[in-house]
């Protein structure tokens, strides 16, 4: 298992440059290559993005789209046993107003992954990135890679990284 905490791009600025919507009042699922894309046409979304979006909305967790359905980036199909999440973005407004929302969202994702891997043979790696913004626009990225069973501890890691 590995967890890496690092600085991330200014998401508001990047979305503005791309002509995308900045999510102030909900969790957003960012494309995998948001930090390097030069245009909306360059963006690539994790294949699990639609599933995560649906699961969160079913749990009444606000999920904000950065692009309209017509402009959503193509999905990257993962051809391995790995499970790769889109980047889960939490704006400063959401973090300050309801930090528990992040824990609930990550628990939903964790339960889904656990159920998806239940009974699976062979090793399966889960990759999840969570980006949390502070009021100054500075973002911290927490990357998790490891067994699906440990994803349940990701919310605690995110809280620790934001201290």
C-alpha atoms as a PDB file:
ATOM      1  CA  UNK A   1       0.000   0.000   0.000  1.00  0.00           C
ATOM      2  CA  UNK A   2       1.240   3.484  -0.755  1.00  0.00           C
ATOM      3  CA  UNK A   3      -0.129   6.892   0.087  1.00  0.00           C
ATOM      4  CA  UNK A   4       1.412  10.009  -1.368  1.00  0.00           C
ATOM      5  CA  UNK A   5       0.479  13.545  -0.359  1.00  0.00           C
ATOM      6  CA  UNK A   6       1.502  16.368  -2.666  1.00  0.00           C
ATOM      7  CA  UNK A   7       0.594  19.855  -3.820  1.00  0.00           C
ATOM      8  CA  UNK A   8      -1.783  20.001  -6.760  1.00  0.00           C
ATOM      9  CA  UNK A   9      -2.659  22.593  -9.354  1.00  0.00           C
ATOM     10  CA  UNK A  10      -4.983  25.504  -8.677  1.00  0.00           C
ATOM     11  CA  UNK A  11      -8.159  23.760  -9.811  1.00  0.00           C
ATOM     12  CA  UNK A  12     -10.247  26.932 -10.141  1.00  0.00           C
ATOM     13  CA  UNK A  13      -7.622  28.500 -12.393  1.00  0.00           C
ATOM     14  CA  UNK A  14      -7.207  25.342 -14.508  1.00  0.00           C
ATOM     15  CA  UNK A  15     -10.943  24.885 -15.001  1.00  0.00           C
ATOM     16  CA  UNK A  16     -11.230  28.551 -15.968  1.00  0.00           C
ATOM     17  CA  UNK A  17      -8.412  28.128 -18.531  1.00  0.00           C
ATOM     18  CA  UNK A  18     -10.205  25.118 -20.008  1.00  0.00           C
ATOM     19  CA  UNK A  19     -13.609  26.818 -20.053  1.00  0.00           C
ATOM     20  CA  UNK A  20     -15.021  24.347 -17.538  1.00  0.00           C
ATOM     21  CA  UNK A  21     -17.257  24.978 -14.521  1.00  0.00           C
ATOM     22  CA  UNK A  22     -15.756  25.308 -11.062  1.00  0.00           C
ATOM     23  CA  UNK A  23     -17.747  23.263  -8.493  1.00  0.00           C
ATOM     24  CA  UNK A  24     -18.412  25.321  -5.373  1.00  0.00           C
ATOM     25  CA  UNK A  25     -21.155  23.358  -3.671  1.00  0.00           C
ATOM     26  CA  UNK A  26     -20.510  19.695  -4.301  1.00  0.00           C
ATOM     27  CA  UNK A  27     -17.922  17.060  -4.978  1.00  0.00           C
ATOM     28  CA  UNK A  28     -16.581  16.934  -8.526  1.00  0.00           C
ATOM     29  CA  UNK A  29     -14.978  14.098 -10.437  1.00  0.00           C
ATOM     30  CA  UNK A  30     -11.999  15.448 -12.319  1.00  0.00           C
ATOM     31  CA  UNK A  31     -10.454  13.859 -15.403  1.00  0.00           C
ATOM     32  CA  UNK A  32      -7.291  11.863 -14.811  1.00  0.00           C
ATOM     33  CA  UNK A  33      -5.097  14.288 -16.743  1.00  0.00           C
ATOM     34  CA  UNK A  34      -6.629  17.573 -15.599  1.00  0.00           C
ATOM     35  CA  UNK A  35      -3.265  18.963 -14.541  1.00  0.00           C
ATOM     36  CA  UNK A  36      -1.626  18.498 -17.955  1.00  0.00           C
ATOM     37  CA  UNK A  37      -4.499  18.972 -20.403  1.00  0.00           C
ATOM     38  CA  UNK A  38      -4.219  22.027 -22.612  1.00  0.00           C
ATOM     39  CA  UNK A  39      -7.823  21.927 -23.849  1.00  0.00           C
ATOM     40  CA  UNK A  40     -11.120  20.201 -23.103  1.00  0.00           C
ATOM     41  CA  UNK A  41     -10.399  17.886 -26.037  1.00  0.00           C
ATOM     42  CA  UNK A  42      -7.284  16.587 -24.258  1.00  0.00           C
ATOM     43  CA  UNK A  43      -9.145  15.431 -21.144  1.00  0.00           C
ATOM     44  CA  UNK A  44      -9.482  11.716 -20.288  1.00  0.00           C
ATOM     45  CA  UNK A  45     -11.899  10.399 -17.679  1.00  0.00           C
ATOM     46  CA  UNK A  46     -11.496   7.217 -15.635  1.00  0.00           C
ATOM     47  CA  UNK A  47     -13.932   4.532 -16.768  1.00  0.00           C
ATOM     48  CA  UNK A  48     -15.365   4.331 -13.237  1.00  0.00           C
ATOM     49  CA  UNK A  49     -16.425   8.003 -13.237  1.00  0.00           C
ATOM     50  CA  UNK A  50     -20.014   7.309 -14.344  1.00  0.00           C
ATOM     51  CA  UNK A  51     -20.407   4.627 -11.669  1.00  0.00           C
ATOM     52  CA  UNK A  52     -18.994   6.817  -8.891  1.00  0.00           C
ATOM     53  CA  UNK A  53     -21.153   9.753  -9.995  1.00  0.00           C
ATOM     54  CA  UNK A  54     -24.265   7.548  -9.899  1.00  0.00           C
ATOM     55  CA  UNK A  55     -23.436   6.011  -6.502  1.00  0.00           C
ATOM     56  CA  UNK A  56     -22.861   9.411  -4.905  1.00  0.00           C
ATOM     57  CA  UNK A  57     -26.039  10.890  -6.353  1.00  0.00           C
ATOM     58  CA  UNK A  58     -28.066   7.893  -5.150  1.00  0.00           C
ATOM     59  CA  UNK A  59     -26.744   8.655  -1.660  1.00  0.00           C
ATOM     60  CA  UNK A  60     -27.859  12.309  -2.000  1.00  0.00           C
ATOM     61  CA  UNK A  61     -24.290  13.564  -2.127  1.00  0.00           C
ATOM     62  CA  UNK A  62     -24.092  16.579  -4.438  1.00  0.00           C
ATOM     63  CA  UNK A  63     -21.901  15.819  -7.423  1.00  0.00           C
ATOM     64  CA  UNK A  64     -21.155  18.738  -9.695  1.00  0.00           C
ATOM     65  CA  UNK A  65     -20.153  18.307 -13.306  1.00  0.00           C
ATOM     66  CA  UNK A  66     -17.350  20.492 -14.591  1.00  0.00           C
ATOM     67  CA  UNK A  67     -18.536  19.984 -18.175  1.00  0.00           C
ATOM     68  CA  UNK A  68     -21.936  19.502 -19.780  1.00  0.00           C
ATOM     69  CA  UNK A  69     -22.820  15.965 -20.882  1.00  0.00           C
ATOM     70  CA  UNK A  70     -22.077  16.892 -24.486  1.00  0.00           C
ATOM     71  CA  UNK A  71     -18.532  17.962 -23.591  1.00  0.00           C
ATOM     72  CA  UNK A  72     -17.622  15.171 -21.168  1.00  0.00           C
ATOM     73  CA  UNK A  73     -14.234  13.663 -21.949  1.00  0.00           C
ATOM     74  CA  UNK A  74     -13.895  10.142 -23.305  1.00  0.00           C
ATOM     75  CA  UNK A  75     -13.409   7.340 -20.818  1.00  0.00           C
ATOM     76  CA  UNK A  76     -10.098   5.552 -20.440  1.00  0.00           C
ATOM     77  CA  UNK A  77     -10.765   1.826 -20.340  1.00  0.00           C
ATOM     78  CA  UNK A  78      -8.575   0.079 -17.790  1.00  0.00           C
ATOM     79  CA  UNK A  79      -7.292  -3.227 -19.183  1.00  0.00           C
ATOM     80  CA  UNK A  80      -5.881  -4.663 -15.996  1.00  0.00           C
ATOM     81  CA  UNK A  81      -7.107  -5.946 -12.669  1.00  0.00           C
ATOM     82  CA  UNK A  82      -6.612  -2.487 -11.191  1.00  0.00           C
ATOM     83  CA  UNK A  83      -9.594  -0.353 -10.211  1.00  0.00           C
ATOM     84  CA  UNK A  84      -8.913   3.308 -11.030  1.00  0.00           C
ATOM     85  CA  UNK A  85     -11.074   6.120  -9.701  1.00  0.00           C
ATOM     86  CA  UNK A  86     -11.474   9.546 -11.226  1.00  0.00           C
ATOM     87  CA  UNK A  87      -9.896  12.322  -9.169  1.00  0.00           C
ATOM     88  CA  UNK A  88     -12.345  13.230  -6.422  1.00  0.00           C
ATOM     89  CA  UNK A  89     -12.248  17.014  -5.931  1.00  0.00           C
ATOM     90  CA  UNK A  90     -13.507  18.811  -2.845  1.00  0.00           C
ATOM     91  CA  UNK A  91     -13.643  22.593  -3.050  1.00  0.00           C
ATOM     92  CA  UNK A  92     -12.736  24.758  -0.064  1.00  0.00           C
ATOM     93  CA  UNK A  93     -16.395  25.708   0.334  1.00  0.00           C
ATOM     94  CA  UNK A  94     -17.491  22.085   0.623  1.00  0.00           C
ATOM     95  CA  UNK A  95     -14.591  21.201   2.942  1.00  0.00           C
ATOM     96  CA  UNK A  96     -15.290  24.143   5.252  1.00  0.00           C
ATOM     97  CA  UNK A  97     -19.075  23.723   5.297  1.00  0.00           C
ATOM     98  CA  UNK A  98     -19.298  19.943   5.493  1.00  0.00           C
ATOM     99  CA  UNK A  99     -16.020  18.016   5.838  1.00  0.00           C
ATOM    100  CA  UNK A 100     -17.980  14.903   6.848  1.00  0.00           C
ATOM    101  CA  UNK A 101     -19.387  14.801   3.327  1.00  0.00           C
ATOM    102  CA  UNK A 102     -15.960  13.664   2.147  1.00  0.00           C
ATOM    103  CA  UNK A 103     -15.937  10.781   4.639  1.00  0.00           C
ATOM    104  CA  UNK A 104     -19.423   9.700   3.592  1.00  0.00           C
ATOM    105  CA  UNK A 105     -18.506   9.855  -0.104  1.00  0.00           C
ATOM    106  CA  UNK A 106     -15.315   7.853   0.416  1.00  0.00           C
ATOM    107  CA  UNK A 107     -17.185   5.268   2.491  1.00  0.00           C
ATOM    108  CA  UNK A 108     -19.662   4.811  -0.358  1.00  0.00           C
ATOM    109  CA  UNK A 109     -16.814   4.345  -2.827  1.00  0.00           C
ATOM    110  CA  UNK A 110     -15.076   1.962  -0.422  1.00  0.00           C
ATOM    111  CA  UNK A 111     -18.201  -0.172  -0.046  1.00  0.00           C
ATOM    112  CA  UNK A 112     -18.638  -0.319  -3.797  1.00  0.00           C
ATOM    113  CA  UNK A 113     -15.028  -1.415  -4.339  1.00  0.00           C
ATOM    114  CA  UNK A 114     -15.286  -4.002  -1.570  1.00  0.00           C
ATOM    115  CA  UNK A 115     -18.424  -5.484  -3.134  1.00  0.00           C
ATOM    116  CA  UNK A 116     -16.917  -5.380  -6.633  1.00  0.00           C
ATOM    117  CA  UNK A 117     -13.815  -7.295  -5.504  1.00  0.00           C
ATOM    118  CA  UNK A 118     -15.610  -9.742  -3.208  1.00  0.00           C
ATOM    119  CA  UNK A 119     -14.764 -13.251  -4.327  1.00  0.00           C
ATOM    120  CA  UNK A 120     -12.248 -12.078  -6.921  1.00  0.00           C
ATOM    121  CA  UNK A 121      -9.139 -14.163  -7.349  1.00  0.00           C
ATOM    122  CA  UNK A 122      -5.649 -12.786  -7.766  1.00  0.00           C
ATOM    123  CA  UNK A 123      -4.360  -9.476  -6.555  1.00  0.00           C
ATOM    124  CA  UNK A 124      -6.357  -6.383  -7.380  1.00  0.00           C
ATOM    125  CA  UNK A 125      -5.038  -2.913  -6.838  1.00  0.00           C
ATOM    126  CA  UNK A 126      -7.174   0.122  -6.162  1.00  0.00           C
ATOM    127  CA  UNK A 127      -6.041   3.608  -7.164  1.00  0.00           C
ATOM    128  CA  UNK A 128      -7.840   6.665  -5.827  1.00  0.00           C
ATOM    129  CA  UNK A 129      -6.854  10.321  -5.786  1.00  0.00           C
ATOM    130  CA  UNK A 130      -8.597  12.906  -3.643  1.00  0.00           C
ATOM    131  CA  UNK A 131      -7.875  16.613  -4.066  1.00  0.00           C
ATOM    132  CA  UNK A 132      -8.933  18.994  -1.308  1.00  0.00           C
ATOM    133  CA  UNK A 133      -8.718  22.746  -1.772  1.00  0.00           C
ATOM    134  CA  UNK A 134      -8.037  25.297   0.954  1.00  0.00           C
ATOM    135  CA  UNK A 135      -9.600  28.797   1.076  1.00  0.00           C
ATOM    136  CA  UNK A 136      -6.565  30.298  -0.697  1.00  0.00           C
ATOM    137  CA  UNK A 137      -6.990  28.032  -3.738  1.00  0.00           C
ATOM    138  CA  UNK A 138      -4.078  25.791  -2.794  1.00  0.00           C
ATOM    139  CA  UNK A 139      -4.918  22.131  -3.324  1.00  0.00           C
ATOM    140  CA  UNK A 140      -3.543  19.017  -1.684  1.00  0.00           C
ATOM    141  CA  UNK A 141      -3.647  15.716  -3.548  1.00  0.00           C
ATOM    142  CA  UNK A 142      -3.793  12.413  -1.667  1.00  0.00           C
ATOM    143  CA  UNK A 143      -3.000   9.423  -3.890  1.00  0.00           C
ATOM    144  CA  UNK A 144      -3.789   5.955  -2.604  1.00  0.00           C
ATOM    145  CA  UNK A 145      -2.657   2.755  -4.292  1.00  0.00           C
ATOM    146  CA  UNK A 146      -3.121  -0.586  -2.653  1.00  0.00           C
ATOM    147  CA  UNK A 147      -5.555  -3.306  -1.712  1.00  0.00           C
ATOM    148  CA  UNK A 148      -9.261  -2.533  -1.850  1.00  0.00           C
ATOM    149  CA  UNK A 149      -9.722  -3.504   1.808  1.00  0.00           C
ATOM    150  CA  UNK A 150      -7.698  -0.491   2.975  1.00  0.00           C
ATOM    151  CA  UNK A 151      -9.724   2.091   1.034  1.00  0.00           C
ATOM    152  CA  UNK A 152     -11.994   2.428   4.077  1.00  0.00           C
ATOM    153  CA  UNK A 153      -9.109   4.227   5.823  1.00  0.00           C
ATOM    154  CA  UNK A 154      -8.750   6.831   3.066  1.00  0.00           C
ATOM    155  CA  UNK A 155     -11.114   9.338   4.705  1.00  0.00           C
ATOM    156  CA  UNK A 156      -8.890   9.375   7.791  1.00  0.00           C
ATOM    157  CA  UNK A 157      -5.814   9.941   5.593  1.00  0.00           C
ATOM    158  CA  UNK A 158      -7.542  12.865   3.863  1.00  0.00           C
ATOM    159  CA  UNK A 159      -8.440  14.474   7.200  1.00  0.00           C
ATOM    160  CA  UNK A 160      -4.853  14.064   8.427  1.00  0.00           C
ATOM    161  CA  UNK A 161      -3.457  15.582   5.239  1.00  0.00           C
ATOM    162  CA  UNK A 162      -5.660  18.654   5.693  1.00  0.00           C
ATOM    163  CA  UNK A 163      -4.468  19.379   9.249  1.00  0.00           C
END
